[in-house]
Structure formats: structure tokens, C-alpha cells
Amino acid sequence: MAEVTDADFAAEVMGAELPVLVEFTADWCPPCRQMAPVLSALAAEEAGRLKVVQLNVDANPDTTHAYKVLSMPTFMVFRDGEPLRSMVGARPKRRLLEELADVL
């Protein structure tokens, strides 16, 4: 799964042609580690319809603060450079897909 940073967030997320699911994550966050295989599977299954990326909140404070992310993991969906939805907390893949259905 691709990682984005403060430096390339605008190009990779805001400028993306596909909808983008961004996971705001941290190395010290157990639920974030729990979500890694779910997000990898989602990225593979929805390739061509959805871009899935991670942003490490500790290494990228500017983007984290810009979107007022306080809890990990936080998932934000962007389309055409606009944040459409924010979801906080780990969840099963099935539920994540349900929450993304109107974006895909």
C-alpha cells in the first residue's frame, strides 16, 4: 500500500483521478496494524476504482492537523480534491466496503 507525506499529499490525493481512501495511521497504534491486511486486500480488489494510501501522523503533522485528525486510525475519503467522509476506528472489510459503496 502506498504511503503519502505532507510533501506529496496534494499531488497523490488531491490530484488523483480516482477516489482516494487515506488511512491516518501511526506505528504505535494496534488497531492501525490490525487494519493493514484489510486495506491491502481492499487496495488490490478495488484497483482501478479506488486508490488506498496511508499517512503516518507522527511524520506528517501538517496534513494531520489540516484535517483535524485526533484518533487513529482515521479514514478519510477524497474525491476531486475534496474530503467526502471521515470514519474513525478499525472496522471489518465488509463494513468498510458498505461505508464506501456510494463513493465507488
N, C-alpha and C. Protein backbone atom coordinates (compact mmCIF):
# COMPACT_ATOMS: atom_id res chain seq x y z
N MET A 1 0.85 -1.18 0.00
CA MET A 1 0.00 0.00 0.00
C MET A 1 0.89 1.24 0.00
N ALA A 2 0.50 2.22 -0.78
CA ALA A 2 1.31 3.42 -0.93
C ALA A 2 1.24 4.28 0.33
N GLU A 3 2.34 4.96 0.61
CA GLU A 3 2.37 5.93 1.71
C GLU A 3 2.47 7.32 1.10
N VAL A 4 1.76 8.26 1.72
CA VAL A 4 1.85 9.65 1.30
C VAL A 4 2.41 10.47 2.45
N THR A 5 2.92 11.65 2.11
CA THR A 5 3.53 12.53 3.11
C THR A 5 2.93 13.93 2.96
N ASP A 6 3.29 14.80 3.89
CA ASP A 6 2.89 16.20 3.77
C ASP A 6 3.31 16.75 2.41
N ALA A 7 4.52 16.37 1.97
CA ALA A 7 5.09 16.91 0.74
C ALA A 7 4.33 16.50 -0.52
N ASP A 8 3.85 15.24 -0.57
CA ASP A 8 3.19 14.79 -1.81
C ASP A 8 1.69 14.56 -1.67
N PHE A 9 1.11 14.96 -0.53
CA PHE A 9 -0.32 14.75 -0.30
C PHE A 9 -1.16 15.42 -1.40
N ALA A 10 -0.84 16.65 -1.74
CA ALA A 10 -1.63 17.37 -2.74
C ALA A 10 -1.61 16.64 -4.08
N ALA A 11 -0.44 16.20 -4.51
CA ALA A 11 -0.33 15.53 -5.80
C ALA A 11 -0.97 14.14 -5.78
N GLU A 12 -0.69 13.37 -4.72
CA GLU A 12 -1.15 11.97 -4.67
C GLU A 12 -2.62 11.82 -4.31
N VAL A 13 -3.15 12.71 -3.48
CA VAL A 13 -4.53 12.58 -3.01
C VAL A 13 -5.44 13.60 -3.68
N MET A 14 -5.10 14.87 -3.54
CA MET A 14 -5.96 15.92 -4.09
C MET A 14 -6.01 15.89 -5.62
N GLY A 15 -4.90 15.49 -6.24
CA GLY A 15 -4.84 15.47 -7.70
C GLY A 15 -5.18 14.13 -8.32
N ALA A 16 -5.57 13.16 -7.51
CA ALA A 16 -5.85 11.81 -8.03
C ALA A 16 -7.13 11.80 -8.87
N GLU A 17 -7.11 10.97 -9.90
CA GLU A 17 -8.29 10.84 -10.75
C GLU A 17 -9.34 9.93 -10.11
N LEU A 18 -8.89 8.97 -9.32
CA LEU A 18 -9.80 8.06 -8.63
C LEU A 18 -10.15 8.61 -7.26
N PRO A 19 -11.24 8.13 -6.66
CA PRO A 19 -11.45 8.43 -5.23
C PRO A 19 -10.28 7.83 -4.45
N VAL A 20 -9.91 8.49 -3.34
CA VAL A 20 -8.77 8.05 -2.53
C VAL A 20 -9.22 7.82 -1.09
N LEU A 21 -8.89 6.64 -0.56
CA LEU A 21 -9.10 6.35 0.85
C LEU A 21 -7.76 6.54 1.54
N VAL A 22 -7.71 7.49 2.46
CA VAL A 22 -6.49 7.77 3.21
C VAL A 22 -6.66 7.23 4.63
N GLU A 23 -5.73 6.40 5.05
CA GLU A 23 -5.71 5.97 6.44
C GLU A 23 -4.68 6.81 7.17
N PHE A 24 -5.13 7.59 8.14
CA PHE A 24 -4.23 8.31 9.03
C PHE A 24 -3.83 7.31 10.10
N THR A 25 -2.55 6.98 10.15
CA THR A 25 -2.09 5.86 10.96
C THR A 25 -0.85 6.24 11.77
N ALA A 26 -0.46 5.36 12.69
CA ALA A 26 0.75 5.56 13.48
C ALA A 26 1.34 4.19 13.80
N ASP A 27 2.67 4.15 13.90
CA ASP A 27 3.35 2.88 14.20
C ASP A 27 2.95 2.32 15.55
N TRP A 28 2.61 3.17 16.51
CA TRP A 28 2.30 2.75 17.87
C TRP A 28 0.84 2.35 18.06
N CYS A 29 0.07 2.32 16.98
CA CYS A 29 -1.38 2.12 17.06
C CYS A 29 -1.77 0.68 16.71
N PRO A 30 -2.13 -0.15 17.72
CA PRO A 30 -2.52 -1.54 17.43
C PRO A 30 -3.70 -1.68 16.45
N PRO A 31 -4.79 -0.88 16.58
CA PRO A 31 -5.87 -1.03 15.60
C PRO A 31 -5.43 -0.68 14.18
N CYS A 32 -4.44 0.21 14.05
CA CYS A 32 -3.91 0.55 12.73
C CYS A 32 -3.22 -0.67 12.11
N ARG A 33 -2.42 -1.35 12.93
CA ARG A 33 -1.74 -2.56 12.44
C ARG A 33 -2.77 -3.63 12.08
N GLN A 34 -3.84 -3.70 12.83
CA GLN A 34 -4.92 -4.65 12.56
C GLN A 34 -5.56 -4.37 11.20
N MET A 35 -5.60 -3.10 10.80
CA MET A 35 -6.25 -2.72 9.53
C MET A 35 -5.37 -2.95 8.31
N ALA A 36 -4.06 -3.14 8.50
CA ALA A 36 -3.14 -3.25 7.37
C ALA A 36 -3.54 -4.33 6.36
N PRO A 37 -3.82 -5.58 6.79
CA PRO A 37 -4.20 -6.59 5.79
C PRO A 37 -5.55 -6.28 5.14
N VAL A 38 -6.46 -5.67 5.89
CA VAL A 38 -7.77 -5.30 5.33
C VAL A 38 -7.59 -4.28 4.22
N LEU A 39 -6.77 -3.26 4.48
CA LEU A 39 -6.56 -2.21 3.49
C LEU A 39 -5.78 -2.72 2.28
N SER A 40 -4.83 -3.62 2.50
CA SER A 40 -4.08 -4.20 1.38
C SER A 40 -5.02 -4.98 0.47
N ALA A 41 -5.91 -5.77 1.07
CA ALA A 41 -6.88 -6.54 0.28
C ALA A 41 -7.82 -5.60 -0.46
N LEU A 42 -8.28 -4.56 0.22
CA LEU A 42 -9.18 -3.59 -0.39
C LEU A 42 -8.50 -2.90 -1.58
N ALA A 43 -7.24 -2.51 -1.40
CA ALA A 43 -6.50 -1.86 -2.48
C ALA A 43 -6.38 -2.76 -3.70
N ALA A 44 -6.13 -4.05 -3.46
CA ALA A 44 -5.99 -4.99 -4.57
C ALA A 44 -7.33 -5.23 -5.26
N GLU A 45 -8.39 -5.42 -4.48
CA GLU A 45 -9.70 -5.73 -5.04
C GLU A 45 -10.33 -4.55 -5.77
N GLU A 46 -10.07 -3.34 -5.29
CA GLU A 46 -10.70 -2.16 -5.88
C GLU A 46 -9.75 -1.35 -6.78
N ALA A 47 -8.62 -1.94 -7.14
CA ALA A 47 -7.67 -1.26 -8.04
C ALA A 47 -8.41 -0.85 -9.30
N GLY A 48 -8.20 0.38 -9.72
CA GLY A 48 -8.92 0.90 -10.88
C GLY A 48 -10.17 1.66 -10.51
N ARG A 49 -10.67 1.44 -9.28
CA ARG A 49 -11.86 2.17 -8.81
C ARG A 49 -11.58 3.01 -7.59
N LEU A 50 -10.55 2.62 -6.81
CA LEU A 50 -10.24 3.31 -5.55
C LEU A 50 -8.74 3.23 -5.32
N LYS A 51 -8.16 4.36 -4.92
CA LYS A 51 -6.75 4.40 -4.52
C LYS A 51 -6.72 4.38 -3.00
N VAL A 52 -5.87 3.52 -2.42
CA VAL A 52 -5.77 3.40 -0.97
C VAL A 52 -4.34 3.77 -0.56
N VAL A 53 -4.22 4.74 0.36
CA VAL A 53 -2.91 5.19 0.81
C VAL A 53 -2.91 5.35 2.34
N GLN A 54 -1.71 5.40 2.90
CA GLN A 54 -1.54 5.63 4.33
C GLN A 54 -0.75 6.91 4.55
N LEU A 55 -1.05 7.59 5.64
CA LEU A 55 -0.28 8.77 6.04
C LEU A 55 0.08 8.59 7.51
N ASN A 56 1.38 8.59 7.80
CA ASN A 56 1.84 8.45 9.18
C ASN A 56 1.68 9.79 9.88
N VAL A 57 0.85 9.83 10.90
CA VAL A 57 0.52 11.10 11.57
C VAL A 57 1.72 11.69 12.30
N ASP A 58 2.60 10.85 12.82
CA ASP A 58 3.76 11.35 13.56
C ASP A 58 4.77 12.02 12.63
N ALA A 59 4.91 11.48 11.43
CA ALA A 59 5.89 12.01 10.49
C ALA A 59 5.31 13.14 9.62
N ASN A 60 3.99 13.31 9.63
CA ASN A 60 3.34 14.28 8.74
C ASN A 60 2.31 15.11 9.49
N PRO A 61 2.77 15.96 10.41
CA PRO A 61 1.84 16.70 11.25
C PRO A 61 1.02 17.76 10.50
N ASP A 62 1.55 18.31 9.42
CA ASP A 62 0.82 19.38 8.72
C ASP A 62 -0.51 18.89 8.16
N THR A 63 -0.48 17.78 7.45
CA THR A 63 -1.71 17.23 6.88
C THR A 63 -2.64 16.73 7.98
N THR A 64 -2.05 16.10 8.99
CA THR A 64 -2.84 15.59 10.12
C THR A 64 -3.62 16.73 10.78
N HIS A 65 -2.96 17.85 11.04
CA HIS A 65 -3.62 19.00 11.67
C HIS A 65 -4.60 19.69 10.73
N ALA A 66 -4.26 19.73 9.45
CA ALA A 66 -5.13 20.39 8.46
C ALA A 66 -6.52 19.73 8.42
N TYR A 67 -6.56 18.41 8.62
CA TYR A 67 -7.84 17.69 8.58
C TYR A 67 -8.35 17.35 9.98
N LYS A 68 -7.73 17.95 11.00
CA LYS A 68 -8.18 17.81 12.39
C LYS A 68 -8.31 16.35 12.82
N VAL A 69 -7.33 15.54 12.44
CA VAL A 69 -7.33 14.13 12.81
C VAL A 69 -6.79 14.00 14.23
N LEU A 70 -7.59 13.41 15.12
CA LEU A 70 -7.22 13.26 16.52
C LEU A 70 -7.08 11.80 16.96
N SER A 71 -7.77 10.89 16.29
CA SER A 71 -7.76 9.48 16.69
C SER A 71 -7.23 8.62 15.56
N MET A 72 -6.57 7.52 15.94
CA MET A 72 -6.06 6.60 14.95
C MET A 72 -6.76 5.25 15.11
N PRO A 73 -7.05 4.56 14.03
CA PRO A 73 -6.94 5.07 12.67
C PRO A 73 -8.15 5.94 12.32
N THR A 74 -7.90 6.95 11.52
CA THR A 74 -8.97 7.72 10.90
C THR A 74 -8.88 7.48 9.41
N PHE A 75 -10.01 7.20 8.80
CA PHE A 75 -10.08 7.01 7.34
C PHE A 75 -10.81 8.19 6.75
N MET A 76 -10.23 8.78 5.72
CA MET A 76 -10.91 9.87 5.02
C MET A 76 -10.96 9.52 3.55
N VAL A 77 -12.12 9.77 2.95
CA VAL A 77 -12.30 9.53 1.52
C VAL A 77 -12.28 10.88 0.82
N PHE A 78 -11.45 10.97 -0.20
CA PHE A 78 -11.34 12.19 -1.01
C PHE A 78 -11.75 11.88 -2.44
N ARG A 79 -12.50 12.79 -3.04
CA ARG A 79 -12.80 12.69 -4.47
C ARG A 79 -12.72 14.10 -5.05
N ASP A 80 -12.02 14.21 -6.16
CA ASP A 80 -11.82 15.50 -6.83
C ASP A 80 -11.24 16.55 -5.87
N GLY A 81 -10.34 16.10 -4.99
CA GLY A 81 -9.67 17.01 -4.09
C GLY A 81 -10.45 17.42 -2.86
N GLU A 82 -11.65 16.88 -2.69
CA GLU A 82 -12.50 17.24 -1.56
C GLU A 82 -12.69 16.06 -0.61
N PRO A 83 -12.61 16.29 0.69
CA PRO A 83 -12.91 15.21 1.63
C PRO A 83 -14.43 14.96 1.66
N LEU A 84 -14.82 13.73 1.41
CA LEU A 84 -16.24 13.38 1.37
C LEU A 84 -16.73 12.79 2.68
N ARG A 85 -15.87 12.02 3.33
CA ARG A 85 -16.31 11.28 4.51
C ARG A 85 -15.12 11.01 5.40
N SER A 86 -15.39 10.96 6.70
CA SER A 86 -14.36 10.62 7.68
C SER A 86 -14.93 9.53 8.59
N MET A 87 -14.11 8.50 8.83
CA MET A 87 -14.53 7.38 9.68
C MET A 87 -13.41 7.12 10.67
N VAL A 88 -13.75 6.92 11.93
CA VAL A 88 -12.74 6.71 12.97
C VAL A 88 -12.85 5.30 13.52
N GLY A 89 -11.71 4.63 13.63
CA GLY A 89 -11.67 3.32 14.27
C GLY A 89 -11.57 2.17 13.29
N ALA A 90 -10.99 1.08 13.78
CA ALA A 90 -10.85 -0.13 12.97
C ALA A 90 -12.23 -0.71 12.71
N ARG A 91 -12.36 -1.37 11.57
CA ARG A 91 -13.62 -2.00 11.19
C ARG A 91 -13.34 -3.16 10.24
N PRO A 92 -14.26 -4.13 10.18
CA PRO A 92 -14.08 -5.24 9.25
C PRO A 92 -14.18 -4.75 7.81
N LYS A 93 -13.58 -5.50 6.91
CA LYS A 93 -13.58 -5.11 5.49
C LYS A 93 -15.00 -4.96 4.96
N ARG A 94 -15.89 -5.87 5.33
CA ARG A 94 -17.27 -5.81 4.85
C ARG A 94 -17.92 -4.47 5.21
N ARG A 95 -17.73 -4.04 6.44
CA ARG A 95 -18.32 -2.77 6.88
C ARG A 95 -17.67 -1.58 6.15
N LEU A 96 -16.36 -1.66 5.97
CA LEU A 96 -15.65 -0.59 5.26
C LEU A 96 -16.18 -0.49 3.83
N LEU A 97 -16.38 -1.63 3.18
CA LEU A 97 -16.93 -1.62 1.82
C LEU A 97 -18.33 -1.02 1.78
N GLU A 98 -19.15 -1.35 2.78
CA GLU A 98 -20.50 -0.77 2.86
C GLU A 98 -20.43 0.74 2.97
N GLU A 99 -19.49 1.23 3.79
CA GLU A 99 -19.36 2.67 4.00
C GLU A 99 -18.79 3.38 2.77
N LEU A 100 -18.12 2.63 1.91
CA LEU A 100 -17.54 3.21 0.71
C LEU A 100 -18.43 3.01 -0.53
N ALA A 101 -19.53 2.29 -0.39
CA ALA A 101 -20.34 1.91 -1.55
C ALA A 101 -20.77 3.11 -2.40
N ASP A 102 -21.17 4.20 -1.77
CA ASP A 102 -21.65 5.34 -2.57
C ASP A 102 -20.51 6.14 -3.19
N VAL A 103 -19.27 5.84 -2.81
CA VAL A 103 -18.12 6.54 -3.38
C VAL A 103 -17.57 5.80 -4.59
N LEU A 104 -17.67 4.49 -4.55
CA LEU A 104 -17.11 3.66 -5.64
C LEU A 104 -18.00 3.65 -6.85
